[in-house]
PDB file of N, CA and C in Angstrom:
ATOM      1  N   MET A   1     -25.599 -98.977 -89.209  1.00  0.00           N
ATOM      2  CA  MET A   1     -25.882 -97.269 -88.353  1.00  0.00           C
ATOM      3  C   MET A   1     -24.149 -97.125 -87.343  1.00  0.00           C
ATOM      4  N   PHE A   2     -23.218 -98.180 -87.835  1.00  0.00           N
ATOM      5  CA  PHE A   2     -22.145 -97.862 -87.282  1.00  0.00           C
ATOM      6  C   PHE A   2     -21.859 -96.452 -88.416  1.00  0.00           C
ATOM      7  N   ILE A   3     -21.729 -96.623 -90.130  1.00  0.00           N
ATOM      8  CA  ILE A   3     -21.712 -95.886 -91.317  1.00  0.00           C
ATOM      9  C   ILE A   3     -21.919 -94.196 -90.919  1.00  0.00           C
ATOM     10  N   LEU A   4     -23.990 -94.056 -90.030  1.00  0.00           N
ATOM     11  CA  LEU A   4     -24.171 -93.559 -89.961  1.00  0.00           C
ATOM     12  C   LEU A   4     -24.037 -92.515 -88.706  1.00  0.00           C
ATOM     13  N   THR A   5     -23.595 -93.316 -87.474  1.00  0.00           N
ATOM     14  CA  THR A   5     -22.861 -92.846 -86.493  1.00  0.00           C
ATOM     15  C   THR A   5     -21.552 -91.897 -86.780  1.00  0.00           C
ATOM     16  N   ILE A   6     -20.543 -92.364 -87.257  1.00  0.00           N
ATOM     17  CA  ILE A   6     -19.538 -92.198 -88.112  1.00  0.00           C
ATOM     18  C   ILE A   6     -19.468 -90.679 -88.830  1.00  0.00           C
ATOM     19  N   ILE A   7     -20.434 -90.982 -90.090  1.00  0.00           N
ATOM     20  CA  ILE A   7     -21.154 -88.982 -90.714  1.00  0.00           C
ATOM     21  C   ILE A   7     -21.409 -88.246 -89.344  1.00  0.00           C
ATOM     22  N   ILE A   8     -22.335 -88.991 -88.858  1.00  0.00           N
ATOM     23  CA  ILE A   8     -23.046 -87.574 -87.626  1.00  0.00           C
ATOM     24  C   ILE A   8     -21.616 -87.042 -86.919  1.00  0.00           C
ATOM     25  N   LEU A   9     -20.741 -87.895 -86.536  1.00  0.00           N
ATOM     26  CA  LEU A   9     -19.344 -87.606 -85.728  1.00  0.00           C
ATOM     27  C   LEU A   9     -18.839 -87.208 -86.557  1.00  0.00           C
ATOM     28  N   SER A  10     -18.624 -87.024 -87.862  1.00  0.00           N
ATOM     29  CA  SER A  10     -17.876 -85.818 -89.104  1.00  0.00           C
ATOM     30  C   SER A  10     -17.948 -84.917 -88.829  1.00  0.00           C
ATOM     31  N   PHE A  11     -19.737 -84.620 -88.956  1.00  0.00           N
ATOM     32  CA  PHE A  11     -20.423 -83.708 -88.951  1.00  0.00           C
ATOM     33  C   PHE A  11     -20.434 -82.924 -88.039  1.00  0.00           C
ATOM     34  N   PHE A  12     -20.101 -83.215 -86.811  1.00  0.00           N
ATOM     35  CA  PHE A  12     -19.736 -82.656 -85.950  1.00  0.00           C
ATOM     36  C   PHE A  12     -18.375 -81.538 -85.589  1.00  0.00           C
ATOM     37  N   GLU A  13     -17.831 -82.586 -86.160  1.00  0.00           N
ATOM     38  CA  GLU A  13     -16.163 -82.461 -85.754  1.00  0.00           C
ATOM     39  C   GLU A  13     -16.163 -81.069 -86.954  1.00  0.00           C
ATOM     40  N   PHE A  14     -17.008 -80.710 -87.687  1.00  0.00           N
ATOM     41  CA  PHE A  14     -16.752 -79.667 -89.470  1.00  0.00           C
ATOM     42  C   PHE A  14     -17.341 -78.309 -88.068  1.00  0.00           C
ATOM     43  N   ILE A  15     -18.533 -78.787 -87.635  1.00  0.00           N
ATOM     44  CA  ILE A  15     -19.584 -77.897 -86.698  1.00  0.00           C
ATOM     45  C   ILE A  15     -17.555 -76.733 -85.848  1.00  0.00           C
ATOM     46  N   GLY A  16     -17.259 -78.164 -84.984  1.00  0.00           N
ATOM     47  CA  GLY A  16     -15.894 -77.345 -83.996  1.00  0.00           C
ATOM     48  C   GLY A  16     -15.156 -76.953 -85.013  1.00  0.00           C
ATOM     49  N   ASP A  17     -14.290 -77.824 -85.636  1.00  0.00           N
ATOM     50  CA  ASP A  17     -13.361 -76.943 -86.842  1.00  0.00           C
ATOM     51  C   ASP A  17     -13.612 -75.266 -87.099  1.00  0.00           C
ATOM     52  N   SER A  18     -15.093 -75.627 -87.666  1.00  0.00           N
ATOM     53  CA  SER A  18     -15.319 -74.023 -88.265  1.00  0.00           C
ATOM     54  C   SER A  18     -15.277 -72.570 -87.031  1.00  0.00           C
ATOM     55  N   ASN A  19     -16.760 -73.236 -86.082  1.00  0.00           N
ATOM     56  CA  ASN A  19     -15.931 -71.949 -84.989  1.00  0.00           C
ATOM     57  C   ASN A  19     -14.550 -71.923 -84.474  1.00  0.00           C
ATOM     58  N   PHE A  20     -13.567 -72.795 -84.331  1.00  0.00           N
ATOM     59  CA  PHE A  20     -12.823 -72.971 -83.569  1.00  0.00           C
ATOM     60  C   PHE A  20     -11.922 -71.705 -84.238  1.00  0.00           C
ATOM     61  N   LYS A  21     -12.448 -71.999 -86.139  1.00  0.00           N
ATOM     62  CA  LYS A  21     -11.578 -71.286 -86.941  1.00  0.00           C
ATOM     63  C   LYS A  21     -12.296 -69.363 -87.005  1.00  0.00           C
ATOM     64  N   PHE A  22     -13.458 -69.585 -87.343  1.00  0.00           N
ATOM     65  CA  PHE A  22     -14.000 -68.455 -86.238  1.00  0.00           C
ATOM     66  C   PHE A  22     -13.743 -67.880 -85.341  1.00  0.00           C
ATOM     67  N   PHE A  23     -13.392 -68.378 -84.285  1.00  0.00           N
ATOM     68  CA  PHE A  23     -13.336 -67.468 -83.153  1.00  0.00           C
ATOM     69  C   PHE A  23     -11.522 -67.195 -83.011  1.00  0.00           C
ATOM     70  N   ALA A  24     -10.943 -68.398 -83.950  1.00  0.00           N
ATOM     71  CA  ALA A  24      -9.259 -67.512 -84.144  1.00  0.00           C
ATOM     72  C   ALA A  24      -9.264 -66.292 -85.367  1.00  0.00           C
ATOM     73  N   ARG A  25     -10.635 -66.361 -86.162  1.00  0.00           N
ATOM     74  CA  ARG A  25      -9.967 -65.184 -86.759  1.00  0.00           C
ATOM     75  C   ARG A  25     -10.662 -63.359 -86.034  1.00  0.00           C
ATOM     76  N   THR A  26     -12.169 -64.122 -85.119  1.00  0.00           N
ATOM     77  CA  THR A  26     -12.811 -63.052 -84.356  1.00  0.00           C
ATOM     78  C   THR A  26     -13.046 -62.616 -83.003  1.00  0.00           C
ATOM     79  N   ASN A  27     -11.889 -63.642 -82.508  1.00  0.00           N
ATOM     80  CA  ASN A  27     -11.996 -63.714 -80.885  1.00  0.00           C
ATOM     81  C   ASN A  27     -13.350 -63.928 -80.097  1.00  0.00           C
ATOM     82  N   HIS A  28     -14.519 -63.902 -80.800  1.00  0.00           N
ATOM     83  CA  HIS A  28     -16.072 -63.448 -80.643  1.00  0.00           C
ATOM     84  C   HIS A  28     -16.188 -65.705 -79.703  1.00  0.00           C
ATOM     85  N   LYS A  29     -15.738 -65.207 -78.562  1.00  0.00           N
ATOM     86  CA  LYS A  29     -16.374 -66.251 -77.351  1.00  0.00           C
ATOM     87  C   LYS A  29     -17.636 -67.650 -77.882  1.00  0.00           C
ATOM     88  N   GLN A  30     -18.509 -67.174 -78.568  1.00  0.00           N
ATOM     89  CA  GLN A  30     -19.646 -67.668 -78.872  1.00  0.00           C
ATOM     90  C   GLN A  30     -19.044 -68.837 -79.866  1.00  0.00           C
ATOM     91  N   HIS A  31     -17.867 -68.347 -80.442  1.00  0.00           N
ATOM     92  CA  HIS A  31     -17.496 -69.133 -81.509  1.00  0.00           C
ATOM     93  C   HIS A  31     -17.066 -70.786 -80.471  1.00  0.00           C
ATOM     94  N   LEU A  32     -16.241 -70.053 -79.479  1.00  0.00           N
ATOM     95  CA  LEU A  32     -15.187 -71.077 -78.650  1.00  0.00           C
ATOM     96  C   LEU A  32     -15.648 -72.240 -77.860  1.00  0.00           C
ATOM     97  N   TYR A  33     -17.396 -71.442 -77.440  1.00  0.00           N
ATOM     98  CA  TYR A  33     -18.015 -72.383 -76.543  1.00  0.00           C
ATOM     99  C   TYR A  33     -18.534 -73.294 -77.947  1.00  0.00           C
ATOM    100  N   ILE A  34     -19.852 -73.194 -79.037  1.00  0.00           N
ATOM    101  CA  ILE A  34     -20.214 -73.751 -79.949  1.00  0.00           C
ATOM    102  C   ILE A  34     -19.050 -74.384 -80.148  1.00  0.00           C
ATOM    103  N   GLY A  35     -17.833 -74.416 -79.992  1.00  0.00           N
ATOM    104  CA  GLY A  35     -16.930 -75.395 -81.026  1.00  0.00           C
ATOM    105  C   GLY A  35     -16.828 -76.586 -79.857  1.00  0.00           C
ATOM    106  N   LEU A  36     -16.044 -76.399 -78.582  1.00  0.00           N
ATOM    107  CA  LEU A  36     -16.378 -77.038 -77.461  1.00  0.00           C
ATOM    108  C   LEU A  36     -16.903 -78.383 -77.218  1.00  0.00           C
ATOM    109  N   VAL A  37     -18.483 -77.324 -77.306  1.00  0.00           N
ATOM    110  CA  VAL A  37     -19.215 -78.093 -77.493  1.00  0.00           C
ATOM    111  C   VAL A  37     -19.921 -79.043 -78.878  1.00  0.00           C
ATOM    112  N   ALA A  38     -19.871 -79.090 -79.714  1.00  0.00           N
ATOM    113  CA  ALA A  38     -19.770 -79.874 -80.556  1.00  0.00           C
ATOM    114  C   ALA A  38     -18.514 -80.945 -80.304  1.00  0.00           C
ATOM    115  N   TYR A  39     -17.219 -80.210 -79.881  1.00  0.00           N
ATOM    116  CA  TYR A  39     -16.166 -81.271 -79.773  1.00  0.00           C
ATOM    117  C   TYR A  39     -16.304 -82.508 -78.527  1.00  0.00           C
ATOM    118  N   MET A  40     -17.230 -81.897 -77.379  1.00  0.00           N
ATOM    119  CA  MET A  40     -17.835 -83.775 -76.316  1.00  0.00           C
ATOM    120  C   MET A  40     -18.566 -83.348 -77.007  1.00  0.00           C
ATOM    121  N   VAL A  41     -19.372 -82.950 -78.119  1.00  0.00           N
ATOM    122  CA  VAL A  41     -20.725 -84.406 -78.530  1.00  0.00           C
ATOM    123  C   VAL A  41     -20.128 -85.583 -79.562  1.00  0.00           C
ATOM    124  N   MET A  42     -18.598 -84.975 -80.274  1.00  0.00           N
ATOM    125  CA  MET A  42     -17.572 -85.808 -80.965  1.00  0.00           C
ATOM    126  C   MET A  42     -17.190 -86.656 -80.723  1.00  0.00           C
ATOM    127  N   ILE A  43     -16.709 -86.428 -79.031  1.00  0.00           N
ATOM    128  CA  ILE A  43     -16.134 -87.296 -78.343  1.00  0.00           C
ATOM    129  C   ILE A  43     -16.674 -88.538 -78.111  1.00  0.00           C
ATOM    130  N   PHE A  44     -17.976 -87.685 -77.562  1.00  0.00           N
ATOM    131  CA  PHE A  44     -19.407 -89.397 -77.323  1.00  0.00           C
ATOM    132  C   PHE A  44     -19.697 -90.345 -78.579  1.00  0.00           C
ATOM    133  N   LEU A  45     -19.815 -89.390 -80.044  1.00  0.00           N
ATOM    134  CA  LEU A  45     -20.021 -90.053 -80.754  1.00  0.00           C
ATOM    135  C   LEU A  45     -18.646 -91.111 -81.394  1.00  0.00           C
ATOM    136  N   LEU A  46     -17.331 -90.498 -80.757  1.00  0.00           N
ATOM    137  CA  LEU A  46     -16.665 -91.679 -81.554  1.00  0.00           C
ATOM    138  C   LEU A  46     -16.347 -93.163 -80.375  1.00  0.00           C
ATOM    139  N   ILE A  47     -17.105 -92.574 -79.059  1.00  0.00           N
ATOM    140  CA  ILE A  47     -16.819 -93.576 -77.400  1.00  0.00           C
ATOM    141  C   ILE A  47     -18.131 -94.783 -78.168  1.00  0.00           C
ATOM    142  N   SER A  48     -18.925 -94.170 -78.608  1.00  0.00           N
ATOM    143  CA  SER A  48     -19.897 -95.299 -79.076  1.00  0.00           C
ATOM    144  C   SER A  48     -19.727 -95.889 -79.861  1.00  0.00           C
ATOM    145  N   SER A  49     -18.448 -95.434 -81.254  1.00  0.00           N
ATOM    146  CA  SER A  49     -18.440 -95.916 -82.189  1.00  0.00           C
ATOM    147  C   SER A  49     -17.226 -97.059 -82.180  1.00  0.00           C
ATOM    148  N   LEU A  50     -16.029 -96.894 -80.773  1.00  0.00           N
ATOM    149  CA  LEU A  50     -15.739 -97.947 -80.867  1.00  0.00           C
ATOM    150  C   LEU A  50     -16.274 -98.882 -79.978  1.00  0.00           C
ATOM    151  N   LYS A  51     -17.828 -98.732 -79.301  1.00  0.00           N
ATOM    152  CA  LYS A  51     -18.068-100.035 -79.051  1.00  0.00           C
ATOM    153  C   LYS A  51     -18.549-100.760 -80.270  1.00  0.00           C
ATOM    154  N   ARG A  52     -18.643-100.704 -81.150  1.00  0.00           N
ATOM    155  CA  ARG A  52     -19.157-101.632 -82.293  1.00  0.00           C
ATOM    156  C   ARG A  52     -17.473-101.559 -82.903  1.00  0.00           C
ATOM    157  N   GLY A  53     -16.834-100.534 -83.341  1.00  0.00           N
ATOM    158  CA  GLY A  53     -15.587-101.476 -84.545  1.00  0.00           C
ATOM    159  C   GLY A  53     -14.256-101.307 -83.654  1.00  0.00           C
ATOM    160  N   ASN A  54     -13.033-101.411 -83.641  1.00  0.00           N
ATOM    161  CA  ASN A  54     -11.790-101.290 -83.421  1.00  0.00           C
ATOM    162  C   ASN A  54     -11.552-100.380 -83.588  1.00  0.00           C
ATOM    163  N   ILE A  55      -9.800-100.261 -82.714  1.00  0.00           N
ATOM    164  CA  ILE A  55      -9.555 -98.581 -83.197  1.00  0.00           C
ATOM    165  C   ILE A  55      -9.275 -98.538 -84.938  1.00  0.00           C
ATOM    166  N   ILE A  56      -8.234 -99.101 -85.631  1.00  0.00           N
ATOM    167  CA  ILE A  56      -7.830 -99.455 -87.089  1.00  0.00           C
ATOM    168  C   ILE A  56      -9.148 -99.191 -88.180  1.00  0.00           C
ATOM    169  N   PHE A  57     -10.361 -99.745 -87.895  1.00  0.00           N
ATOM    170  CA  PHE A  57     -11.602 -99.436 -88.758  1.00  0.00           C
ATOM    171  C   PHE A  57     -12.198 -98.266 -88.070  1.00  0.00           C
ATOM    172  N   THR A  58     -12.138 -98.052 -87.384  1.00  0.00           N
ATOM    173  CA  THR A  58     -13.417 -96.736 -86.450  1.00  0.00           C
ATOM    174  C   THR A  58     -12.128 -96.017 -87.192  1.00  0.00           C
ATOM    175  N   ASN A  59     -11.032 -95.314 -87.083  1.00  0.00           N
ATOM    176  CA  ASN A  59     -10.156 -94.099 -87.168  1.00  0.00           C
ATOM    177  C   ASN A  59     -10.022 -94.113 -88.890  1.00  0.00           C
ATOM    178  N   GLY A  60      -9.981 -95.382 -89.343  1.00  0.00           N
ATOM    179  CA  GLY A  60      -9.920 -95.174 -91.057  1.00  0.00           C
ATOM    180  C   GLY A  60     -11.154 -94.581 -92.017  1.00  0.00           C
ATOM    181  N   MET A  61     -12.123 -94.729 -91.351  1.00  0.00           N
ATOM    182  CA  MET A  61     -13.754 -94.565 -91.439  1.00  0.00           C
ATOM    183  C   MET A  61     -13.963 -93.180 -91.008  1.00  0.00           C
ATOM    184  N   TRP A  62     -13.212 -92.329 -90.228  1.00  0.00           N
ATOM    185  CA  TRP A  62     -13.332 -91.733 -89.341  1.00  0.00           C
ATOM    186  C   TRP A  62     -12.958 -90.296 -90.422  1.00  0.00           C
ATOM    187  N   ASP A  63     -11.745 -90.913 -90.214  1.00  0.00           N
ATOM    188  CA  ASP A  63     -10.382 -89.901 -91.023  1.00  0.00           C
ATOM    189  C   ASP A  63     -10.914 -90.121 -92.789  1.00  0.00           C
ATOM    190  N   GLY A  64     -11.735 -90.272 -93.768  1.00  0.00           N
ATOM    191  CA  GLY A  64     -12.029 -91.018 -94.332  1.00  0.00           C
ATOM    192  C   GLY A  64     -13.040 -90.149 -94.592  1.00  0.00           C
ATOM    193  N   ILE A  65     -14.302 -90.426 -94.228  1.00  0.00           N
ATOM    194  CA  ILE A  65     -15.197 -89.492 -93.791  1.00  0.00           C
ATOM    195  C   ILE A  65     -15.484 -88.469 -93.970  1.00  0.00           C
ATOM    196  N   SER A  66     -14.989 -88.166 -93.101  1.00  0.00           N
ATOM    197  CA  SER A  66     -14.766 -86.699 -92.044  1.00  0.00           C
ATOM    198  C   SER A  66     -13.938 -85.847 -93.044  1.00  0.00           C
ATOM    199  N   ALA A  67     -12.723 -86.545 -93.843  1.00  0.00           N
ATOM    200  CA  ALA A  67     -12.198 -85.543 -95.117  1.00  0.00           C
ATOM    201  C   ALA A  67     -13.926 -85.122 -96.235  1.00  0.00           C
ATOM    202  N   ILE A  68     -14.285 -86.221 -96.287  1.00  0.00           N
ATOM    203  CA  ILE A  68     -15.298 -85.951 -97.452  1.00  0.00           C
ATOM    204  C   ILE A  68     -16.475 -84.883 -97.317  1.00  0.00           C
ATOM    205  N   VAL A  69     -16.505 -84.943 -95.223  1.00  0.00           N
ATOM    206  CA  VAL A  69     -18.093 -84.126 -94.986  1.00  0.00           C
ATOM    207  C   VAL A  69     -17.355 -82.575 -95.209  1.00  0.00           C
ATOM    208  N   THR A  70     -15.464 -82.948 -94.673  1.00  0.00           N
ATOM    209  CA  THR A  70     -15.472 -81.124 -94.060  1.00  0.00           C
ATOM    210  C   THR A  70     -15.291 -81.079 -95.891  1.00  0.00           C
ATOM    211  N   THR A  71     -14.690 -81.703 -96.129  1.00  0.00           N
ATOM    212  CA  THR A  71     -14.407 -80.965 -98.213  1.00  0.00           C
ATOM    213  C   THR A  71     -15.838 -80.838 -98.282  1.00  0.00           C
ATOM    214  N   VAL A  72     -16.793 -81.377 -98.301  1.00  0.00           N
ATOM    215  CA  VAL A  72     -18.143 -81.205 -99.276  1.00  0.00           C
ATOM    216  C   VAL A  72     -18.965 -79.728 -98.157  1.00  0.00           C
ATOM    217  N   ALA A  73     -19.095 -80.019 -96.789  1.00  0.00           N
ATOM    218  CA  ALA A  73     -19.581 -78.407 -96.085  1.00  0.00           C
ATOM    219  C   ALA A  73     -18.612 -77.009 -96.683  1.00  0.00           C
ATOM    220  N   ALA A  74     -17.108 -77.773 -96.530  1.00  0.00           N
ATOM    221  CA  ALA A  74     -16.311 -76.161 -96.862  1.00  0.00           C
ATOM    222  C   ALA A  74     -16.727 -76.174 -97.912  1.00  0.00           C
ATOM    223  N   PHE A  75     -17.299 -76.378 -99.187  1.00  0.00           N
ATOM    224  CA  PHE A  75     -17.395 -76.014-100.276  1.00  0.00           C
ATOM    225  C   PHE A  75     -18.590 -75.540-100.698  1.00  0.00           C
ATOM    226  N   VAL A  76     -19.935 -75.714 -99.929  1.00  0.00           N
ATOM    227  CA  VAL A  76     -21.195 -75.083 -99.827  1.00  0.00           C
ATOM    228  C   VAL A  76     -20.716 -74.298 -99.283  1.00  0.00           C
ATOM    229  N   LEU A  77     -21.095 -74.628 -97.978  1.00  0.00           N
ATOM    230  CA  LEU A  77     -20.705 -73.510 -97.180  1.00  0.00           C
ATOM    231  C   LEU A  77     -20.205 -72.128 -97.537  1.00  0.00           C
ATOM    232  N   PHE A  78     -19.232 -71.989 -97.509  1.00  0.00           N
ATOM    233  CA  PHE A  78     -17.921 -71.644 -97.563  1.00  0.00           C
ATOM    234  C   PHE A  78     -17.226 -71.631 -99.002  1.00  0.00           C
ATOM    235  N   LYS A  79     -17.995 -71.961 -99.727  1.00  0.00           N
ATOM    236  CA  LYS A  79     -17.609 -72.244-101.018  1.00  0.00           C
ATOM    237  C   LYS A  79     -15.990 -71.483-101.482  1.00  0.00           C
ATOM    238  N   GLU A  80     -15.594 -72.378-100.236  1.00  0.00           N
ATOM    239  CA  GLU A  80     -13.448 -72.847-100.652  1.00  0.00           C
ATOM    240  C   GLU A  80     -13.665 -73.699-102.029  1.00  0.00           C
ATOM    241  N   ARG A  81     -12.692 -74.063-102.023  1.00  0.00           N
ATOM    242  CA  ARG A  81     -11.904 -74.913-103.342  1.00  0.00           C
ATOM    243  C   ARG A  81     -10.781 -75.451-103.535  1.00  0.00           C
ATOM    244  N   LEU A  82     -10.707 -77.126-104.120  1.00  0.00           N
ATOM    245  CA  LEU A  82      -9.474 -77.652-103.976  1.00  0.00           C
ATOM    246  C   LEU A  82      -8.818 -77.127-105.117  1.00  0.00           C
ATOM    247  N   SER A  83      -7.209 -76.780-105.551  1.00  0.00           N
ATOM    248  CA  SER A  83      -6.332 -76.028-106.480  1.00  0.00           C
ATOM    249  C   SER A  83      -6.049 -76.260-107.900  1.00  0.00           C
ATOM    250  N   ASN A  84      -6.311 -77.837-107.774  1.00  0.00           N
ATOM    251  CA  ASN A  84      -5.582 -78.924-108.651  1.00  0.00           C
ATOM    252  C   ASN A  84      -6.008 -80.408-108.662  1.00  0.00           C
ATOM    253  N   THR A  85      -5.886 -80.789-110.121  1.00  0.00           N
ATOM    254  CA  THR A  85      -6.501 -81.407-110.155  1.00  0.00           C
ATOM    255  C   THR A  85      -5.693 -82.840-109.174  1.00  0.00           C
ATOM    256  N   PHE A  86      -4.565 -83.139-109.026  1.00  0.00           N
ATOM    257  CA  PHE A  86      -4.327 -83.593-107.913  1.00  0.00           C
ATOM    258  C   PHE A  86      -5.307 -84.140-106.747  1.00  0.00           C
ATOM    259  N   GLN A  87      -5.249 -82.649-106.160  1.00  0.00           N
ATOM    260  CA  GLN A  87      -6.333 -83.154-104.917  1.00  0.00           C
ATOM    261  C   GLN A  87      -7.416 -83.470-105.182  1.00  0.00           C
ATOM    262  N   TRP A  88      -8.080 -83.171-106.514  1.00  0.00           N
ATOM    263  CA  TRP A  88      -9.795 -84.234-106.261  1.00  0.00           C
ATOM    264  C   TRP A  88      -8.854 -85.179-106.620  1.00  0.00           C
ATOM    265  N   VAL A  89      -7.832 -86.008-107.361  1.00  0.00           N
ATOM    266  CA  VAL A  89      -7.777 -87.762-107.598  1.00  0.00           C
ATOM    267  C   VAL A  89      -7.456 -87.813-105.946  1.00  0.00           C
ATOM    268  N   GLY A  90      -6.572 -86.879-104.834  1.00  0.00           N
ATOM    269  CA  GLY A  90      -6.661 -87.765-103.342  1.00  0.00           C
ATOM    270  C   GLY A  90      -7.430 -87.554-102.714  1.00  0.00           C
ATOM    271  N   LEU A  91      -9.030 -86.944-103.047  1.00  0.00           N
ATOM    272  CA  LEU A  91     -10.721 -87.092-102.505  1.00  0.00           C
ATOM    273  C   LEU A  91     -11.060 -88.189-103.063  1.00  0.00           C
ATOM    274  N   ALA A  92     -11.220 -88.071-104.756  1.00  0.00           N
ATOM    275  CA  ALA A  92     -11.412 -89.733-104.741  1.00  0.00           C
ATOM    276  C   ALA A  92     -10.997 -90.836-104.219  1.00  0.00           C
ATOM    277  N   LEU A  93      -9.444 -90.915-104.188  1.00  0.00           N
ATOM    278  CA  LEU A  93      -8.899 -91.912-103.421  1.00  0.00           C
ATOM    279  C   LEU A  93      -9.078 -92.063-101.909  1.00  0.00           C
ATOM    280  N   ILE A  94      -9.685 -91.029-101.642  1.00  0.00           N
ATOM    281  CA  ILE A  94     -10.455 -91.087 -99.955  1.00  0.00           C
ATOM    282  C   ILE A  94     -12.113 -91.646-100.159  1.00  0.00           C
ATOM    283  N   VAL A  95     -12.250 -91.357-100.737  1.00  0.00           N
ATOM    284  CA  VAL A  95     -13.594 -92.041-101.191  1.00  0.00           C
ATOM    285  C   VAL A  95     -13.323 -93.134-101.333  1.00  0.00           C
ATOM    286  N   ILE A  96     -12.739 -93.880-102.590  1.00  0.00           N
ATOM    287  CA  ILE A  96     -12.313 -95.649-103.054  1.00  0.00           C
ATOM    288  C   ILE A  96     -12.101 -96.053-101.214  1.00  0.00           C
ATOM    289  N   GLY A  97     -10.818 -95.343-101.040  1.00  0.00           N
ATOM    290  CA  GLY A  97     -10.679 -96.041 -99.272  1.00  0.00           C
ATOM    291  C   GLY A  97     -11.891 -96.179 -98.780  1.00  0.00           C
ATOM    292  N   CYS A  98     -13.136 -95.023 -98.055  1.00  0.00           N
ATOM    293  CA  CYS A  98     -14.325 -95.643 -97.617  1.00  0.00           C
ATOM    294  C   CYS A  98     -14.947 -97.185 -97.545  1.00  0.00           C
ATOM    295  N   VAL A  99     -15.711 -96.295 -99.401  1.00  0.00           N
ATOM    296  CA  VAL A  99     -15.649 -98.233 -99.963  1.00  0.00           C
ATOM    297  C   VAL A  99     -15.041 -99.153 -99.377  1.00  0.00           C
ATOM    298  N   LEU A 100     -13.759 -99.421 -99.713  1.00  0.00           N
ATOM    299  CA  LEU A 100     -12.735-100.542 -99.616  1.00  0.00           C
ATOM    300  C   LEU A 100     -13.133-100.428 -97.864  1.00  0.00           C
ATOM    301  N   LEU A 101     -13.018-100.417 -97.579  1.00  0.00           N
ATOM    302  CA  LEU A 101     -12.814-100.464 -95.912  1.00  0.00           C
ATOM    303  C   LEU A 101     -14.247-101.234 -95.268  1.00  0.00           C
ATOM    304  N   SER A 102     -15.393-100.337 -95.917  1.00  0.00           N
ATOM    305  CA  SER A 102     -16.974-100.864 -95.694  1.00  0.00           C
ATOM    306  C   SER A 102     -17.688-102.365 -96.562  1.00  0.00           C
ATOM    307  N   VAL A 103     -16.086-102.942 -96.864  1.00  0.00           N
ATOM    308  CA  VAL A 103     -16.908-104.097 -97.484  1.00  0.00           C
ATOM    309  C   VAL A 103     -17.026-105.816 -96.520  1.00  0.00           C
ATOM    310  N   GLY A 104     -17.362-106.010 -96.089  1.00  0.00           N
ATOM    311  CA  GLY A 104     -17.438-106.671 -95.201  1.00  0.00           C
ATOM    312  C   GLY A 104     -17.873-106.766 -93.935  1.00  0.00           C
ATOM    313  N   GLU A 105     -17.828-106.984 -93.181  1.00  0.00           N
ATOM    314  CA  GLU A 105     -18.442-107.197 -91.317  1.00  0.00           C
ATOM    315  C   GLU A 105     -17.000-105.815 -90.740  1.00  0.00           C
ATOM    316  N   ILE A 106     -18.094-105.315 -89.796  1.00  0.00           N
ATOM    317  CA  ILE A 106     -17.187-103.965 -89.241  1.00  0.00           C
ATOM    318  C   ILE A 106     -16.421-105.235 -87.825  1.00  0.00           C
ATOM    319  N   PRO A 107     -15.106-104.916 -88.160  1.00  0.00           N
ATOM    320  CA  PRO A 107     -13.663-105.718 -86.902  1.00  0.00           C
ATOM    321  C   PRO A 107     -14.319-105.178 -85.777  1.00  0.00           C
ATOM    322  N   LYS A 108     -14.249-105.994 -85.033  1.00  0.00           N
ATOM    323  CA  LYS A 108     -14.168-106.143 -83.388  1.00  0.00           C
ATOM    324  C   LYS A 108     -12.802-105.599 -82.669  1.00  0.00           C
TER     325      LYS A 108
END
């Protein structure tokens, strides 16, 4: 359940970030409002996650999973790409880091 919460949190972070990007480029206020709501949901989910895990673990998983979710979403939805092999290796290391963090119980 903890990992699912972090995945959902990361999804809302992507929604917020992409809408802030659209707002910055178009100045359409609807994107600003959607981004703000997404970040409010994200904060609620972060607080929920911190009830189950300590800050170090929660932040590490959030950073890693957020990078993966954002990369996949940007790849699929916006057709954005990484530009070299080192970046792909870095992403693979993030995946490995998340797997290693998930070994064992969640520290409280």
